[in-house]
């Protein structure tokens, strides 16, 4: 009778150790820009507020994130407090010390990995979390000793298990709070290293305006158009109230978008006249770009370039759209033009996920499809608008030059009918073009166009009142000169005159023959005080009038009436200055 084989015992797996240097990635190595750790806490507050509103614990109009600059000049601190759901006391400690164990989902929440909350360890001495859920009478406090944590991954330190780091660096306790209260508060106490910049309001406020899921300021007149675009996609644009407080001053945070921005050209501003919008439900995005005069690169770093947003929180900066533009040409020359425009792209596809640093997106088929869309519809459109604006500026400069030229021509005395007709034609054609500027020159400043129209009309009125001095008709030929009888006395007189004066005409043509002697010497007559018959004084202006008309006819045949009129006005101006 055979025996069944005895199964061999399964090998005991070695315990998996997560070393202390793993925390370095989640703290000092988490974000390229230190301010991004503040965005992480704002993002978590936004999620908690959205949950509280969904659970009817909080009214949407009461939702707020308050960021407070505090401490002292030697030991500054920064606090981020939201009035979202908070965390139940029995789950608070485990939630706030866990790594990568978030229960959030990307479909509903802006943050979902559970790794960003420890980023503040790199920038302060103590990182304190205080949280409370509605209905409980206590709040839970979890404090990280950041100096101790950083010591575990300093150069030369021996690696230890993460659980040991947490056990020696974290303290927790509870404190009484009113039952109705619900909140989470993150406090970075005694900021150090680059964290000291967090209390510089001139750096903190511009950063918050870029990244926070806030509303548009009242001076951005196109805000309703963007809100309606969001509704057209299928949902209200998510916004919350964010405030920045320093001492007794509280500042409301709004997006940095406005109508006019300084550019790299001194005292020249890029002014938005209207928006162009994009709606792609099939690929999960919508957005807009501001159409302006595009005079140069926008130097406001908080707004330059089209920005990407998920849940209305900014992802990365202008570098994303610039990278897409760079792909259009082998040399990447179109990259720089993207900072000439402003705009926003809202990503709503749940298949497109921001990367861990939130400075870009994880590669996926959905993200690649959106990139193709945006390159074709947004990036190329921005480039086309900028090129068109350059042509527009040339046209506006041309109108301004024509204005000066026509005004100068009107100051010329004795304006002829031909010149007046040419000027009238040019003004009429120019006014017709300016009247259609909205379609012919998109992005033209309406005020500039209106001013040009007004100036050209003034010139037209002045031209209508200008007195025209037309040339008199040519007179008949003068009476023929009397024949001179050449007697001996006359011949001698003529010879004497020839000895005293140079002969008229080209000396090389003088033959001294008998026929020449028979011609009267006009110069000698003038010398002796005698005057022969003269041509009428109007014959010269008549000849000029005739010549100008011939020139105008030739130009019209070759170039058309419009160009002929323009050139004739220029010719008249040049002749007047001669």
Foldseek 3Di string as FASTA:
>chain_A
DDDDDDDDDDDDDDDDFDWLVVVCCLAVVPAPDLCLLVVVVLQVLLLQAVVCVVVVLDPQQPWEWEWEWDDDPQKIKIKIKTQGFWDAPVCVVVLLLDAQPFPDALQRGQDGRSRSNNHLLRWAQKKKKWWDGAQDFKIKIKIFRSVQSVVCPDPPHDIDGPVVNCVVGMDMDIDTDDRSGGMMMIMGIRTDDVNSCCNVCVPPQLVCLQFAQAAADPQAPCRVVVQVLQVVLPDGQDHHWYWYDYVHDIHTHHHPDHAWADFPDPPDIWGFDDKDKAHDNVLAKIKIKTQALLPHFGPPQSFFAEFEDESSGTFAGNVVLLVLCLVPDPRSVLSRLRRSIGMYMYGNDSVWHQDSNRNGTDDDPSVVVVSVVCSVPPSVVSVVSNVLSVVVVVVLVVLVVLLVLLVLLLPFPQDAPLLLVLLLLQLVVVLVCLVVCCVVRPNDDPVSSVVSNVSSVVSNVSSVPRDHDYFDDFDDDDDDDDFDDDDPVNLVVVVVLCVVDPAPDDVVPDPVDPVVSRDDGQVSCVVVVHHDDDGDPRPVVVVVVVVLVVQLVVCCVVPNNNVSSSVSSVVSSVVSVD
